[in-house]
Each structure stands twice: as C-alpha cells, then as structure tokens.
Amino acid sequence: MPKAAAFAALILAFGLSGRAMADDECWAPMTDWQPRQAVETLAQKQGWAVRRITVHEGCYRVFGHDQSGRDIRITLNPVTLEILNDHERGDHEADGHGENKHRHD
C-alpha cells in the first residue's frame, strides 16, 4: 500500500507541475508588464477596434472587432504582448446558429 500511495503522489505531482508550467506564461510581476497604452497601440497596429481591455488569469484580454467586423477576444502576454490565442466569431455566430471559429496561434 505505501508504494501505491507514493506512486499516486508522484503522478499527482507531475500532473500539477505540467498545469503550472502551462499557466506560467502570464504570471509575471506587474512591475514587468507593458502599460495598457502599449496594448492599445498594438491593437491599433493590428487593425482591431477595442471595446475593452481586461486582465484575466494574469494575461491581458482584448475584446473588440477585427477589420472585418468580427468579434474578437485576444489573449496577450502582459510582458511581451505576444498573442497567446485569439478567438474570432462572426456576427452570424452570436445567435448560436453559426460555427464557432477558433484559431490558436
């Protein structure tokens, strides 16, 4: 029984460390973050019309529209402003009748 408990603890530790490593890309001290103005500048260069900028799980989130008028939700690393993922949804999808289009970069 002690071997089984040790094995279970080892599996749990590896599972949790993998999850922690995946979440680490947005966990940086706020003193290292780019200012919100830098996010707005990036959005302007990308052609995004920003509705709001929030912080979610240590990342910047940009909500708005792309140049085609599609709703977007962009997740950015707050230090590098690297695009971690973006989700676009056309207006016809807002009512639940269209396909969800998710693009993960």
N, C-alpha and C. Protein backbone atom coordinates (compact mmCIF):
# COMPACT_ATOMS: atom_id res chain seq x y z
N MET A 1 0.81 -1.21 0.00
CA MET A 1 0.00 0.00 0.00
C MET A 1 0.85 1.27 0.00
N PRO A 2 1.95 1.33 0.77
CA PRO A 2 2.77 2.54 0.72
C PRO A 2 3.33 2.82 -0.67
N LYS A 3 3.67 1.78 -1.44
CA LYS A 3 4.18 2.00 -2.80
C LYS A 3 3.10 2.62 -3.68
N ALA A 4 1.87 2.16 -3.52
CA ALA A 4 0.77 2.70 -4.32
C ALA A 4 0.54 4.17 -3.98
N ALA A 5 0.61 4.51 -2.70
CA ALA A 5 0.41 5.90 -2.29
C ALA A 5 1.54 6.78 -2.82
N ALA A 6 2.77 6.28 -2.78
CA ALA A 6 3.90 7.04 -3.30
C ALA A 6 3.77 7.24 -4.81
N PHE A 7 3.34 6.21 -5.51
CA PHE A 7 3.15 6.30 -6.95
C PHE A 7 2.07 7.32 -7.29
N ALA A 8 0.96 7.28 -6.54
CA ALA A 8 -0.13 8.23 -6.77
C ALA A 8 0.34 9.66 -6.52
N ALA A 9 1.14 9.86 -5.48
CA ALA A 9 1.67 11.19 -5.18
C ALA A 9 2.59 11.68 -6.30
N LEU A 10 3.40 10.77 -6.83
CA LEU A 10 4.30 11.12 -7.92
C LEU A 10 3.52 11.52 -9.17
N ILE A 11 2.49 10.76 -9.50
CA ILE A 11 1.64 11.07 -10.67
C ILE A 11 0.96 12.42 -10.48
N LEU A 12 0.44 12.67 -9.29
CA LEU A 12 -0.22 13.93 -8.99
C LEU A 12 0.75 15.10 -9.12
N ALA A 13 1.97 14.93 -8.60
CA ALA A 13 2.97 15.99 -8.67
C ALA A 13 3.32 16.32 -10.12
N PHE A 14 3.49 15.30 -10.97
CA PHE A 14 3.80 15.55 -12.38
C PHE A 14 2.62 16.22 -13.07
N GLY A 15 1.42 15.80 -12.77
CA GLY A 15 0.23 16.40 -13.38
C GLY A 15 0.08 17.86 -13.01
N LEU A 16 0.28 18.18 -11.75
CA LEU A 16 0.16 19.56 -11.31
C LEU A 16 1.29 20.42 -11.85
N SER A 17 2.50 19.90 -11.93
CA SER A 17 3.60 20.71 -12.43
C SER A 17 3.41 21.02 -13.90
N GLY A 18 2.84 20.11 -14.69
CA GLY A 18 2.56 20.38 -16.09
C GLY A 18 1.54 21.47 -16.25
N ARG A 19 0.51 21.45 -15.43
CA ARG A 19 -0.50 22.50 -15.48
C ARG A 19 0.09 23.83 -15.07
N ALA A 20 0.90 23.85 -14.05
CA ALA A 20 1.52 25.09 -13.60
C ALA A 20 2.41 25.67 -14.68
N MET A 21 3.15 24.82 -15.39
CA MET A 21 4.02 25.31 -16.44
C MET A 21 3.20 25.90 -17.58
N ALA A 22 2.07 25.33 -17.88
CA ALA A 22 1.22 25.86 -18.95
C ALA A 22 0.65 27.22 -18.58
N ASP A 23 0.36 27.44 -17.30
CA ASP A 23 -0.22 28.70 -16.85
C ASP A 23 0.82 29.77 -16.62
N ASP A 24 2.10 29.43 -16.60
CA ASP A 24 3.15 30.37 -16.25
C ASP A 24 3.35 31.49 -17.26
N GLU A 25 2.90 31.35 -18.50
CA GLU A 25 3.22 32.35 -19.49
C GLU A 25 2.60 33.71 -19.18
N CYS A 26 1.63 33.79 -18.29
CA CYS A 26 1.04 35.08 -17.93
C CYS A 26 1.27 35.47 -16.47
N TRP A 27 2.00 34.71 -15.74
CA TRP A 27 2.20 35.05 -14.34
C TRP A 27 3.55 35.73 -14.18
N ALA A 28 3.52 37.03 -14.27
CA ALA A 28 4.72 37.85 -14.10
C ALA A 28 4.37 39.00 -13.17
N PRO A 29 5.36 39.51 -12.45
CA PRO A 29 5.08 40.67 -11.58
C PRO A 29 4.56 41.84 -12.41
N MET A 30 3.61 42.56 -11.87
CA MET A 30 3.02 43.68 -12.60
C MET A 30 4.06 44.76 -12.92
N THR A 31 5.14 44.80 -12.17
CA THR A 31 6.19 45.78 -12.48
C THR A 31 6.86 45.49 -13.81
N ASP A 32 6.73 44.25 -14.31
CA ASP A 32 7.31 43.86 -15.60
C ASP A 32 6.33 44.03 -16.76
N TRP A 33 5.09 44.34 -16.47
CA TRP A 33 4.06 44.42 -17.51
C TRP A 33 4.25 45.64 -18.40
N GLN A 34 3.86 45.48 -19.68
CA GLN A 34 3.74 46.62 -20.57
C GLN A 34 2.53 47.43 -20.11
N PRO A 35 2.56 48.75 -20.28
CA PRO A 35 1.39 49.55 -19.87
C PRO A 35 0.21 49.31 -20.80
N ARG A 36 -0.97 49.63 -20.31
CA ARG A 36 -2.20 49.46 -21.09
C ARG A 36 -2.12 50.23 -22.41
N GLN A 37 -1.44 51.36 -22.41
CA GLN A 37 -1.28 52.15 -23.64
C GLN A 37 -0.55 51.34 -24.72
N ALA A 38 0.41 50.51 -24.31
CA ALA A 38 1.12 49.66 -25.27
C ALA A 38 0.16 48.63 -25.89
N VAL A 39 -0.79 48.15 -25.11
CA VAL A 39 -1.79 47.21 -25.63
C VAL A 39 -2.67 47.93 -26.65
N GLU A 40 -3.06 49.15 -26.34
CA GLU A 40 -3.88 49.94 -27.26
C GLU A 40 -3.12 50.22 -28.56
N THR A 41 -1.83 50.52 -28.46
CA THR A 41 -1.01 50.76 -29.64
C THR A 41 -0.91 49.51 -30.50
N LEU A 42 -0.69 48.35 -29.86
CA LEU A 42 -0.64 47.08 -30.59
C LEU A 42 -1.97 46.83 -31.30
N ALA A 43 -3.07 47.06 -30.60
CA ALA A 43 -4.39 46.84 -31.18
C ALA A 43 -4.59 47.73 -32.41
N GLN A 44 -4.17 48.96 -32.31
CA GLN A 44 -4.31 49.89 -33.44
C GLN A 44 -3.49 49.39 -34.64
N LYS A 45 -2.26 48.93 -34.40
CA LYS A 45 -1.42 48.41 -35.48
C LYS A 45 -2.02 47.17 -36.12
N GLN A 46 -2.72 46.36 -35.32
CA GLN A 46 -3.35 45.14 -35.82
C GLN A 46 -4.67 45.42 -36.53
N GLY A 47 -5.18 46.65 -36.39
CA GLY A 47 -6.46 46.98 -37.01
C GLY A 47 -7.67 46.58 -36.19
N TRP A 48 -7.47 46.38 -34.89
CA TRP A 48 -8.57 45.99 -34.02
C TRP A 48 -9.28 47.23 -33.48
N ALA A 49 -10.59 47.20 -33.44
CA ALA A 49 -11.38 48.22 -32.77
C ALA A 49 -11.63 47.69 -31.37
N VAL A 50 -11.02 48.31 -30.37
CA VAL A 50 -11.07 47.80 -29.00
C VAL A 50 -12.33 48.26 -28.30
N ARG A 51 -13.05 47.30 -27.74
CA ARG A 51 -14.22 47.60 -26.92
C ARG A 51 -13.80 47.71 -25.46
N ARG A 52 -12.91 46.79 -25.03
CA ARG A 52 -12.39 46.87 -23.66
C ARG A 52 -11.13 46.02 -23.54
N ILE A 53 -10.33 46.35 -22.56
CA ILE A 53 -9.13 45.59 -22.22
C ILE A 53 -9.28 45.19 -20.77
N THR A 54 -9.11 43.89 -20.50
CA THR A 54 -9.23 43.39 -19.13
C THR A 54 -7.99 42.58 -18.79
N VAL A 55 -7.91 42.19 -17.53
CA VAL A 55 -6.88 41.26 -17.07
C VAL A 55 -7.61 40.00 -16.65
N HIS A 56 -7.15 38.86 -17.18
CA HIS A 56 -7.77 37.57 -16.87
C HIS A 56 -6.66 36.56 -16.64
N GLU A 57 -6.62 35.99 -15.46
CA GLU A 57 -5.63 34.99 -15.09
C GLU A 57 -4.20 35.44 -15.41
N GLY A 58 -3.92 36.69 -15.13
CA GLY A 58 -2.57 37.22 -15.30
C GLY A 58 -2.23 37.65 -16.71
N CYS A 59 -3.17 37.57 -17.64
CA CYS A 59 -2.96 37.98 -19.03
C CYS A 59 -3.82 39.20 -19.34
N TYR A 60 -3.38 39.97 -20.34
CA TYR A 60 -4.27 40.98 -20.90
C TYR A 60 -5.26 40.27 -21.82
N ARG A 61 -6.51 40.75 -21.83
CA ARG A 61 -7.52 40.28 -22.78
C ARG A 61 -8.06 41.50 -23.50
N VAL A 62 -8.10 41.42 -24.81
CA VAL A 62 -8.63 42.50 -25.63
C VAL A 62 -9.92 42.00 -26.28
N PHE A 63 -10.99 42.75 -26.08
CA PHE A 63 -12.28 42.45 -26.68
C PHE A 63 -12.60 43.56 -27.68
N GLY A 64 -13.10 43.18 -28.82
CA GLY A 64 -13.46 44.18 -29.81
C GLY A 64 -13.82 43.55 -31.13
N HIS A 65 -13.42 44.23 -32.23
CA HIS A 65 -13.73 43.79 -33.58
C HIS A 65 -12.47 43.86 -34.42
N ASP A 66 -12.34 42.91 -35.35
CA ASP A 66 -11.22 42.99 -36.29
C ASP A 66 -11.64 43.87 -37.47
N GLN A 67 -10.77 43.96 -38.48
CA GLN A 67 -11.05 44.82 -39.63
C GLN A 67 -12.26 44.38 -40.43
N SER A 68 -12.64 43.11 -40.29
CA SER A 68 -13.81 42.58 -41.00
C SER A 68 -15.10 42.74 -40.20
N GLY A 69 -14.99 43.29 -39.00
CA GLY A 69 -16.17 43.47 -38.16
C GLY A 69 -16.50 42.29 -37.29
N ARG A 70 -15.66 41.24 -37.31
CA ARG A 70 -15.90 40.06 -36.47
C ARG A 70 -15.49 40.35 -35.04
N ASP A 71 -16.28 39.83 -34.10
CA ASP A 71 -15.93 39.93 -32.69
C ASP A 71 -14.63 39.17 -32.44
N ILE A 72 -13.78 39.75 -31.61
CA ILE A 72 -12.53 39.08 -31.25
C ILE A 72 -12.34 39.11 -29.75
N ARG A 73 -11.60 38.13 -29.27
CA ARG A 73 -11.12 38.09 -27.88
C ARG A 73 -9.68 37.61 -27.99
N ILE A 74 -8.75 38.51 -27.73
CA ILE A 74 -7.33 38.22 -27.88
C ILE A 74 -6.70 38.15 -26.49
N THR A 75 -5.91 37.12 -26.26
CA THR A 75 -5.17 36.99 -25.00
C THR A 75 -3.72 37.31 -25.29
N LEU A 76 -3.16 38.23 -24.49
CA LEU A 76 -1.79 38.70 -24.68
C LEU A 76 -0.95 38.45 -23.44
N ASN A 77 0.31 38.07 -23.66
CA ASN A 77 1.27 38.02 -22.57
C ASN A 77 1.49 39.46 -22.12
N PRO A 78 1.36 39.78 -20.84
CA PRO A 78 1.44 41.16 -20.40
C PRO A 78 2.86 41.75 -20.45
N VAL A 79 3.87 40.92 -20.51
CA VAL A 79 5.25 41.39 -20.54
C VAL A 79 5.72 41.62 -21.98
N THR A 80 5.47 40.63 -22.84
CA THR A 80 5.96 40.68 -24.22
C THR A 80 4.91 41.16 -25.21
N LEU A 81 3.64 41.16 -24.82
CA LEU A 81 2.49 41.45 -25.68
C LEU A 81 2.36 40.45 -26.82
N GLU A 82 2.96 39.27 -26.62
CA GLU A 82 2.81 38.18 -27.58
C GLU A 82 1.35 37.73 -27.57
N ILE A 83 0.79 37.47 -28.76
CA ILE A 83 -0.57 36.96 -28.86
C ILE A 83 -0.53 35.48 -28.50
N LEU A 84 -1.18 35.13 -27.39
CA LEU A 84 -1.19 33.75 -26.93
C LEU A 84 -2.30 32.96 -27.60
N ASN A 85 -3.43 33.58 -27.81
CA ASN A 85 -4.51 32.97 -28.59
C ASN A 85 -5.50 34.04 -28.94
N ASP A 86 -6.25 33.77 -29.97
CA ASP A 86 -7.32 34.68 -30.34
C ASP A 86 -8.53 33.86 -30.77
N HIS A 87 -9.67 34.44 -30.50
CA HIS A 87 -10.93 33.80 -30.82
C HIS A 87 -11.74 34.80 -31.62
N GLU A 88 -12.15 34.41 -32.80
CA GLU A 88 -12.98 35.27 -33.63
C GLU A 88 -14.35 34.64 -33.78
N ARG A 89 -15.34 35.48 -33.84
CA ARG A 89 -16.70 34.98 -34.01
C ARG A 89 -17.44 35.96 -34.91
N GLY A 90 -17.94 35.50 -36.02
CA GLY A 90 -18.71 36.35 -36.93
C GLY A 90 -20.04 36.73 -36.33
N ASP A 91 -20.62 37.80 -36.84
CA ASP A 91 -21.90 38.27 -36.30
C ASP A 91 -22.98 37.20 -36.38
N HIS A 92 -22.98 36.34 -37.42
CA HIS A 92 -24.00 35.31 -37.54
C HIS A 92 -23.84 34.23 -36.48
N GLU A 93 -22.69 34.20 -35.83
CA GLU A 93 -22.46 33.17 -34.82
C GLU A 93 -22.92 33.63 -33.43
N ALA A 94 -23.17 34.91 -33.28
CA ALA A 94 -23.55 35.42 -31.97
C ALA A 94 -24.89 34.86 -31.50
N ASP A 95 -25.76 34.47 -32.44
CA ASP A 95 -27.05 33.93 -32.05
C ASP A 95 -27.04 32.42 -31.85
N GLY A 96 -25.86 31.80 -32.02
CA GLY A 96 -25.74 30.37 -31.79
C GLY A 96 -26.02 29.52 -33.01
N HIS A 97 -26.30 30.15 -34.18
CA HIS A 97 -26.62 29.39 -35.38
C HIS A 97 -25.42 29.10 -36.26
N GLY A 98 -24.31 29.74 -36.01
CA GLY A 98 -23.14 29.52 -36.85
C GLY A 98 -22.12 28.65 -36.15
N GLU A 99 -21.08 28.28 -36.90
CA GLU A 99 -19.99 27.50 -36.32
C GLU A 99 -19.08 28.42 -35.54
N ASN A 100 -18.53 27.94 -34.44
CA ASN A 100 -17.51 28.70 -33.74
C ASN A 100 -16.21 28.53 -34.48
N LYS A 101 -15.53 29.61 -34.74
CA LYS A 101 -14.23 29.56 -35.40
C LYS A 101 -13.19 29.96 -34.38
N HIS A 102 -12.38 29.05 -33.96
CA HIS A 102 -11.33 29.34 -33.00
C HIS A 102 -10.00 29.12 -33.68
N ARG A 103 -9.14 30.10 -33.55
CA ARG A 103 -7.81 30.00 -34.11
C ARG A 103 -6.83 30.14 -32.97
N HIS A 104 -5.99 29.16 -32.79
CA HIS A 104 -5.00 29.18 -31.71
C HIS A 104 -3.64 29.32 -32.34
N ASP A 105 -2.95 30.41 -32.01
CA ASP A 105 -1.61 30.65 -32.54
C ASP A 105 -0.56 30.14 -31.59
